[in-house]
Amino acid sequence: MSTRAKSAGWMVYAGAASVALLLAGAAGISRAAEPCGDGCDGIDWTFGASTSFNYDFNSPDGASLNTSTYSNLEQDESFNIDLVQLGVTGERGHVGFGAKLDFGDLTAFAGDSEDGDVALQEAYVTYDADGVGGMLGRFGTPIGFEVLEPWGNAQASRSWAWIAQPVNHDGLTLNGSADVVDVMIGIVNNFTVNDPLANDVDDEKGVIGSIGAGVSEALNLYFAGIYTEEADTVEIGAINAIVSGDIDVVERNLRYAIEAYWRHDDPDGGEELDLWSVVGYVGADVSGPFAFDLRIEYADDEGIVLGDDSDVWSFTPTLSVDLVEGVDFRFEYRFDKAGEDIFLDDSDPDDSLHSITGQLVWTPEL
């Protein structure tokens, strides 16, 4: 590695440490500056870490679409640090804030790192005026059922729908709630954060929105969408609908969700592309520390993610065990079957893929 590259790397790590120290210092200053009364709810720190090992039975010889099925979305047959994340949230009266700092393989998908090692995934300020509020800064996307954080998902790998969805946004949102209904609308820079390139390369803005209704524990309804233009060359629109809930079945709590996702890309002077996906999620605590989750997906893509006009079925059962409080181990098998030869088997194109993953997730209380 060159001296310049090493210097740049140390600057990134130093910058990350400075951000963490700044947040800690700000927390101390704000607490010391004025006493915590009824209007001060304090500050909460969060920590999460995930490490995994993935084995792809296809054993691809080079770069391929196979990596999109891995837990770290990067490499198989290696010990991986999927994600290490330090988060902070706080409130003082009607004003709140939050931030997430990422390290590890999945960091690149936060869109804030040239080398993919350190990224500011979120950093925002909120205002809540009793049912009506807003958010300014960098925040998580309203699109999708799954998230970047491994501990936020039941599976070690992610759906094809997630691969085609944004992760976070820079922008401003306004939100309101009435009874069981929550509504949000906002403006954002891009389809997803892409800071290594520029905060907003074309000065165009996108529109996002969502509406949700918590009818009961057994039924939650959610609808979200985004429309934006990327680099003045590609118009992107996406719509997401989710039905989810918890149901008591034979004295066990059954978790379920059904997600439908559609995305449309319209490049200038090029062919319009569509992707749509339907994903079913179901899970339950089996016995003692054991839990079982299953994800089944059908996706049809004209080239946005799969790189070819193809469809794909994905079947992913996952067994989890709580080793101790805050530490889970997952064992996952995944099978994908496509309509075209979109995967690699050794060096040959293939239409199917088999893989297994072991993943350890740690989310201690701080």
Protein backbone atom coordinates (compact mmCIF):
# COMPACT_ATOMS: atom_id res chain seq x y z
CA MET A 1 0.00 0.00 0.00
CA SER A 2 1.32 3.46 -0.87
CA THR A 3 2.15 6.10 1.76
CA ARG A 4 -0.63 8.26 0.39
CA ALA A 5 -3.17 5.42 0.71
CA LYS A 6 -2.00 4.69 4.26
CA SER A 7 -2.30 8.35 5.19
CA ALA A 8 -5.79 8.51 3.72
CA GLY A 9 -6.76 5.40 5.68
CA TRP A 10 -5.48 6.84 8.95
CA MET A 11 -7.34 10.08 8.21
CA VAL A 12 -10.57 8.10 7.83
CA TYR A 13 -10.07 6.30 11.13
CA ALA A 14 -9.05 9.47 12.89
CA GLY A 15 -12.12 11.21 11.53
CA ALA A 16 -14.35 8.38 12.74
CA ALA A 17 -12.79 8.53 16.20
CA SER A 18 -13.26 12.29 16.25
CA VAL A 19 -16.95 11.91 15.45
CA ALA A 20 -17.39 9.43 18.28
CA LEU A 21 -15.52 11.66 20.73
CA LEU A 22 -17.48 14.68 19.56
CA LEU A 23 -20.77 12.89 20.20
CA ALA A 24 -19.62 11.78 23.62
CA GLY A 25 -18.32 15.24 24.45
CA ALA A 26 -21.49 16.91 23.26
CA ALA A 27 -23.50 14.57 25.42
CA GLY A 28 -21.42 15.46 28.46
CA ILE A 29 -21.56 19.19 27.77
CA SER A 30 -25.32 19.20 27.24
CA ARG A 31 -25.87 17.29 30.46
CA ALA A 32 -23.56 19.56 32.44
CA ALA A 33 -24.81 22.81 30.94
CA GLU A 34 -28.26 22.53 32.43
CA PRO A 35 -29.89 20.15 34.89
CA CYS A 36 -31.98 17.23 33.61
CA GLY A 37 -35.55 18.01 34.59
CA ASP A 38 -38.88 16.82 33.24
CA GLY A 39 -37.95 17.98 29.73
CA CYS A 40 -34.71 16.00 29.53
CA ASP A 41 -34.99 12.37 28.53
CA GLY A 42 -31.24 11.75 28.36
CA ILE A 43 -29.04 9.95 25.86
CA ASP A 44 -28.97 6.28 24.86
CA TRP A 45 -25.99 4.52 23.30
CA THR A 46 -26.37 1.35 21.23
CA PHE A 47 -23.84 -1.16 19.95
CA GLY A 48 -24.16 -4.02 17.50
CA ALA A 49 -21.69 -6.40 15.89
CA SER A 50 -21.96 -9.31 13.47
CA THR A 51 -19.43 -11.80 12.15
CA SER A 52 -20.08 -14.67 9.74
CA PHE A 53 -18.71 -17.45 7.57
CA ASN A 54 -20.39 -18.25 4.25
CA TYR A 55 -19.83 -21.29 2.06
CA ASP A 56 -21.03 -21.21 -1.56
CA PHE A 57 -21.32 -24.74 -2.99
CA ASN A 58 -20.95 -23.23 -6.49
CA SER A 59 -17.42 -22.01 -5.59
CA PRO A 60 -17.32 -19.19 -8.17
CA ASP A 61 -13.87 -18.50 -9.62
CA GLY A 62 -14.43 -14.76 -10.06
CA ALA A 63 -16.69 -11.82 -9.40
CA SER A 64 -20.34 -12.80 -9.80
CA LEU A 65 -23.90 -12.18 -8.77
CA ASN A 66 -23.42 -14.94 -6.19
CA THR A 67 -22.09 -12.36 -3.73
CA SER A 68 -25.54 -10.75 -3.48
CA THR A 69 -26.72 -13.86 -1.62
CA TYR A 70 -23.96 -13.74 1.03
CA SER A 71 -24.37 -12.39 4.55
CA ASN A 72 -21.63 -9.79 4.07
CA LEU A 73 -22.46 -9.23 0.36
CA GLU A 74 -18.76 -9.48 -0.41
CA GLN A 75 -17.00 -12.86 -0.28
CA ASP A 76 -17.55 -16.52 0.52
CA GLU A 77 -15.25 -19.04 2.20
CA SER A 78 -13.83 -16.41 4.54
CA PHE A 79 -14.36 -15.17 8.08
CA ASN A 80 -16.13 -11.84 7.77
CA ILE A 81 -16.82 -8.83 9.95
CA ASP A 82 -20.25 -8.05 8.53
CA LEU A 83 -20.92 -4.90 10.53
CA VAL A 84 -19.89 -3.16 13.73
CA GLN A 85 -22.08 -0.19 14.61
CA LEU A 86 -22.08 2.44 17.33
CA GLY A 87 -25.30 4.42 17.67
CA VAL A 88 -26.61 7.22 19.82
CA THR A 89 -30.07 8.74 20.26
CA GLY A 90 -31.35 11.39 22.60
CA GLU A 91 -34.19 13.75 23.40
CA ARG A 92 -34.60 17.04 25.19
CA GLY A 93 -38.18 18.15 25.27
CA HIS A 94 -39.55 18.24 21.73
CA VAL A 95 -36.11 17.97 20.10
CA GLY A 96 -34.30 14.70 19.43
CA PHE A 97 -31.26 13.47 17.55
CA GLY A 98 -29.63 10.26 16.38
CA ALA A 99 -26.49 8.99 14.67
CA LYS A 100 -25.00 5.65 13.53
CA LEU A 101 -21.33 5.04 12.76
CA ASP A 102 -20.52 1.85 10.79
CA PHE A 103 -17.45 -0.36 10.36
CA GLY A 104 -17.08 -3.62 8.43
CA ASP A 105 -18.00 -5.21 5.10
CA LEU A 106 -21.58 -3.88 4.91
CA THR A 107 -20.37 -0.32 5.49
CA ALA A 108 -20.07 0.30 1.74
CA PHE A 109 -23.87 0.06 1.40
CA ALA A 110 -24.32 3.07 3.71
CA GLY A 111 -22.97 5.14 0.78
CA ASP A 112 -20.59 7.29 2.81
CA SER A 113 -17.20 5.66 2.35
CA GLU A 114 -14.70 5.57 -0.50
CA ASP A 115 -12.88 2.53 0.89
CA GLY A 116 -15.95 0.88 2.42
CA ASP A 117 -14.44 0.62 5.92
CA VAL A 118 -16.04 3.49 7.88
CA ALA A 119 -19.29 5.32 7.20
CA LEU A 120 -21.74 7.70 8.80
CA GLN A 121 -24.96 5.81 8.10
CA GLU A 122 -27.29 8.24 9.89
CA ALA A 123 -27.07 11.66 11.56
CA TYR A 124 -30.29 13.59 12.05
CA VAL A 125 -32.25 15.98 14.24
CA THR A 126 -35.98 15.60 14.91
CA TYR A 127 -38.75 17.81 16.25
CA ASP A 128 -41.98 16.43 17.69
CA ALA A 129 -44.85 18.82 18.39
CA ASP A 130 -47.38 16.39 19.85
CA GLY A 131 -48.33 14.35 16.80
CA VAL A 132 -46.74 16.52 14.12
CA GLY A 133 -43.01 16.67 13.53
CA GLY A 134 -40.07 16.59 11.19
CA MET A 135 -36.61 15.21 10.60
CA LEU A 136 -33.55 16.85 9.04
CA GLY A 137 -30.26 15.22 8.10
CA ARG A 138 -29.35 11.67 7.13
CA PHE A 139 -31.89 9.01 8.06
CA GLY A 140 -32.93 5.46 7.28
CA THR A 141 -35.07 4.83 4.23
CA PRO A 142 -38.82 4.25 4.63
CA ILE A 143 -38.58 1.64 1.85
CA GLY A 144 -38.38 -2.07 2.62
CA PHE A 145 -38.92 -4.67 5.34
CA GLU A 146 -35.27 -5.66 5.82
CA VAL A 147 -32.48 -3.33 6.98
CA LEU A 148 -28.70 -3.03 6.69
CA GLU A 149 -28.07 -4.13 10.29
CA PRO A 150 -27.90 -7.97 10.60
CA TRP A 151 -29.51 -7.82 14.06
CA GLY A 152 -32.52 -6.07 12.53
CA ASN A 153 -33.31 -9.05 10.27
CA ALA A 154 -34.32 -12.64 10.92
CA GLN A 155 -32.09 -13.98 8.14
CA ALA A 156 -28.31 -13.73 7.69
CA SER A 157 -28.64 -12.97 3.97
CA ARG A 158 -31.01 -10.47 2.34
CA SER A 159 -33.77 -10.61 -0.22
CA TRP A 160 -33.37 -9.55 -3.85
CA ALA A 161 -35.91 -6.83 -3.08
CA TRP A 162 -33.53 -5.37 -0.49
CA ILE A 163 -30.66 -5.34 -3.00
CA ALA A 164 -32.78 -3.07 -5.23
CA GLN A 165 -33.86 -0.74 -2.42
CA PRO A 166 -32.24 2.36 -0.89
CA VAL A 167 -30.55 2.23 2.53
CA ASN A 168 -30.58 5.85 3.70
CA HIS A 169 -31.24 9.39 2.53
CA ASP A 170 -30.02 12.95 3.05
CA GLY A 171 -33.02 15.24 3.25
CA LEU A 172 -35.99 16.59 5.16
CA THR A 173 -39.23 14.87 6.18
CA LEU A 174 -42.48 15.98 7.76
CA ASN A 175 -44.64 13.50 9.62
CA GLY A 176 -47.90 13.30 11.49
CA SER A 177 -49.98 10.73 13.32
CA ALA A 178 -53.65 10.34 14.19
CA ASP A 179 -54.95 7.38 16.16
CA VAL A 180 -53.32 4.29 14.54
CA VAL A 181 -52.22 6.02 11.31
CA ASP A 182 -48.76 7.51 10.66
CA VAL A 183 -47.99 9.61 7.58
CA MET A 184 -44.66 10.95 6.27
CA ILE A 185 -43.57 12.96 3.24
CA GLY A 186 -40.14 14.34 2.43
CA ILE A 187 -37.54 15.50 -0.06
CA VAL A 188 -34.16 13.78 -0.49
CA ASN A 189 -30.98 14.22 -2.51
CA ASN A 190 -30.82 10.80 -4.16
CA PHE A 191 -32.34 7.35 -4.39
CA THR A 192 -29.84 6.40 -1.68
CA VAL A 193 -26.82 8.17 -0.13
CA ASN A 194 -23.81 8.27 -2.47
CA ASP A 195 -21.42 10.61 -0.67
CA PRO A 196 -18.12 9.43 -2.20
CA LEU A 197 -19.43 10.79 -5.50
CA ALA A 198 -21.20 13.90 -4.17
CA ASN A 199 -24.00 14.85 -1.80
CA ASP A 200 -26.19 15.61 -4.82
CA VAL A 201 -24.47 15.35 -8.18
CA ASP A 202 -27.30 16.86 -10.24
CA ASP A 203 -28.98 19.28 -7.78
CA GLU A 204 -32.23 17.44 -8.45
CA LYS A 205 -34.37 16.34 -5.51
CA GLY A 206 -36.41 13.21 -4.96
CA VAL A 207 -39.71 12.78 -3.16
CA ILE A 208 -40.40 10.08 -0.58
CA GLY A 209 -43.50 9.24 1.39
CA SER A 210 -45.08 6.59 3.56
CA ILE A 211 -48.32 5.76 5.35
CA GLY A 212 -48.79 3.06 7.96
CA ALA A 213 -51.60 1.76 10.14
CA GLY A 214 -51.17 -0.41 13.22
CA VAL A 215 -54.60 -2.02 13.19
CA SER A 216 -53.70 -4.64 15.82
CA GLU A 217 -50.81 -6.86 16.91
CA ALA A 218 -51.92 -9.30 14.24
CA LEU A 219 -52.25 -6.76 11.43
CA ASN A 220 -50.02 -3.85 10.44
CA LEU A 221 -50.34 -2.15 7.05
CA TYR A 222 -47.56 -0.10 5.47
CA PHE A 223 -47.08 1.62 2.12
CA ALA A 224 -44.07 3.67 0.97
CA GLY A 225 -42.68 5.12 -2.24
CA ILE A 226 -39.91 7.19 -3.78
CA TYR A 227 -39.39 9.06 -7.04
CA THR A 228 -36.11 10.68 -8.02
CA GLU A 229 -33.77 11.45 -10.92
CA GLU A 230 -30.17 10.30 -10.64
CA ALA A 231 -27.37 12.35 -12.24
CA ASP A 232 -29.86 13.92 -14.67
CA THR A 233 -29.82 10.65 -16.63
CA VAL A 234 -32.04 8.05 -14.91
CA GLU A 235 -35.50 8.48 -13.46
CA ILE A 236 -36.19 5.98 -10.67
CA GLY A 237 -39.52 5.23 -9.06
CA ALA A 238 -40.23 2.56 -6.45
CA ILE A 239 -43.28 1.44 -4.46
CA ASN A 240 -43.29 -0.84 -1.43
CA ALA A 241 -46.24 -2.44 0.41
CA ILE A 242 -45.97 -4.55 3.59
CA VAL A 243 -48.52 -6.49 5.63
CA SER A 244 -47.16 -7.85 8.91
CA GLY A 245 -48.10 -8.95 12.41
CA ASP A 246 -47.84 -11.46 15.26
CA ILE A 247 -50.39 -14.26 15.69
CA ASP A 248 -50.78 -16.71 18.58
CA VAL A 249 -50.87 -20.21 17.11
CA VAL A 250 -50.88 -23.34 19.31
CA GLU A 251 -49.54 -21.35 22.28
CA ARG A 252 -46.72 -19.95 20.17
CA ASN A 253 -46.15 -16.51 18.74
CA LEU A 254 -46.03 -16.66 14.94
CA ARG A 255 -44.38 -13.72 13.19
CA TYR A 256 -45.26 -13.02 9.59
CA ALA A 257 -44.81 -10.41 6.87
CA ILE A 258 -45.64 -10.18 3.18
CA GLU A 259 -43.72 -7.60 1.18
CA ALA A 260 -44.39 -6.47 -2.39
CA TYR A 261 -41.85 -4.24 -4.13
CA TRP A 262 -41.79 -2.64 -7.57
CA ARG A 263 -39.06 -0.48 -9.09
CA HIS A 264 -38.94 1.28 -12.46
CA ASP A 265 -35.76 2.72 -14.00
CA ASP A 266 -36.07 5.01 -17.03
CA PRO A 267 -32.62 5.99 -18.39
CA ASP A 268 -32.30 8.78 -20.95
CA GLY A 269 -31.93 7.26 -24.39
CA GLY A 270 -32.06 3.74 -23.00
CA GLU A 271 -34.52 0.94 -22.41
CA GLU A 272 -36.91 1.21 -19.47
CA LEU A 273 -36.39 -1.51 -16.86
CA ASP A 274 -38.74 -2.97 -14.26
CA LEU A 275 -38.17 -5.13 -11.22
CA TRP A 276 -40.85 -6.54 -8.98
CA SER A 277 -40.65 -8.89 -6.05
CA VAL A 278 -42.95 -10.63 -3.59
CA VAL A 279 -41.39 -11.85 -0.34
CA GLY A 280 -42.97 -13.90 2.42
CA TYR A 281 -41.48 -14.02 5.92
CA VAL A 282 -42.61 -16.32 8.74
CA GLY A 283 -40.96 -17.16 12.06
CA ALA A 284 -41.59 -18.56 15.52
CA ASP A 285 -39.80 -19.37 18.76
CA VAL A 286 -39.48 -23.16 18.62
CA SER A 287 -38.32 -24.31 22.05
CA GLY A 288 -36.19 -22.74 24.73
CA PRO A 289 -33.51 -20.56 23.10
CA PHE A 290 -34.27 -21.78 19.55
CA ALA A 291 -36.15 -19.88 16.84
CA PHE A 292 -36.92 -20.74 13.22
CA ASP A 293 -37.47 -18.26 10.39
CA LEU A 294 -38.24 -18.80 6.73
CA ARG A 295 -38.08 -16.39 3.79
CA ILE A 296 -39.48 -17.24 0.36
CA GLU A 297 -39.17 -14.80 -2.53
CA TYR A 298 -40.07 -14.57 -6.18
CA ALA A 299 -38.46 -11.72 -8.16
CA ASP A 300 -38.75 -10.79 -11.82
CA ASP A 301 -36.10 -8.39 -13.08
CA GLU A 302 -35.41 -6.91 -16.51
CA GLY A 303 -31.81 -6.06 -15.57
CA ILE A 304 -31.76 -3.67 -12.59
CA VAL A 305 -30.17 -6.16 -10.15
CA LEU A 306 -29.86 -9.55 -11.83
CA GLY A 307 -27.91 -8.12 -14.76
CA ASP A 308 -30.14 -9.93 -17.24
CA ASP A 309 -33.83 -10.27 -18.05
CA SER A 310 -34.60 -13.11 -15.65
CA ASP A 311 -36.70 -14.26 -12.75
CA VAL A 312 -35.51 -16.02 -9.59
CA TRP A 313 -37.00 -18.04 -6.76
CA SER A 314 -35.23 -17.88 -3.39
CA PHE A 315 -35.79 -20.22 -0.42
CA THR A 316 -34.03 -19.36 2.88
CA PRO A 317 -34.63 -21.22 6.18
CA THR A 318 -32.72 -19.94 9.23
CA LEU A 319 -32.28 -21.54 12.67
CA SER A 320 -31.29 -19.19 15.51
CA VAL A 321 -30.21 -19.89 19.07
CA ASP A 322 -29.81 -17.39 21.93
CA LEU A 323 -26.42 -18.32 23.39
CA VAL A 324 -26.59 -15.74 26.17
CA GLU A 325 -28.50 -12.50 26.55
CA GLY A 326 -27.69 -10.27 23.59
CA VAL A 327 -25.75 -12.94 21.65
CA ASP A 328 -27.40 -15.02 18.89
CA PHE A 329 -25.98 -17.65 16.57
CA ARG A 330 -27.66 -18.37 13.22
CA PHE A 331 -27.29 -21.23 10.81
CA GLU A 332 -28.80 -20.61 7.38
CA TYR A 333 -29.26 -22.53 4.16
CA ARG A 334 -30.14 -20.66 0.97
CA PHE A 335 -31.23 -21.95 -2.42
CA ASP A 336 -31.78 -19.72 -5.46
CA LYS A 337 -33.19 -20.90 -8.78
CA ALA A 338 -33.21 -18.49 -11.73
CA GLY A 339 -34.78 -18.59 -15.17
CA GLU A 340 -31.42 -17.77 -16.77
CA ASP A 341 -27.76 -18.61 -16.06
CA ILE A 342 -27.12 -15.58 -13.84
CA PHE A 343 -24.86 -17.29 -11.26
CA LEU A 344 -21.39 -18.83 -11.49
CA ASP A 345 -20.58 -22.47 -10.75
CA ASP A 346 -16.78 -22.57 -10.73
CA SER A 347 -16.19 -20.60 -13.94
CA ASP A 348 -19.36 -21.73 -15.73
CA PRO A 349 -22.69 -19.85 -15.84
CA ASP A 350 -25.46 -21.60 -13.89
CA ASP A 351 -29.11 -21.00 -13.06
CA SER A 352 -28.98 -22.21 -9.43
CA LEU A 353 -27.03 -21.53 -6.26
CA HIS A 354 -26.72 -23.33 -2.91
CA SER A 355 -25.02 -21.76 0.12
CA ILE A 356 -24.83 -22.10 3.90
CA THR A 357 -23.96 -19.42 6.46
CA GLY A 358 -23.02 -19.34 10.12
CA GLN A 359 -23.47 -15.93 11.73
CA LEU A 360 -22.87 -14.59 15.24
CA VAL A 361 -24.73 -11.43 16.24
CA TRP A 362 -23.97 -9.42 19.40
CA THR A 363 -26.25 -6.61 20.62
CA PRO A 364 -25.43 -5.89 24.29
CA GLU A 365 -27.29 -3.39 26.44
CA LEU A 366 -25.11 -0.34 27.15
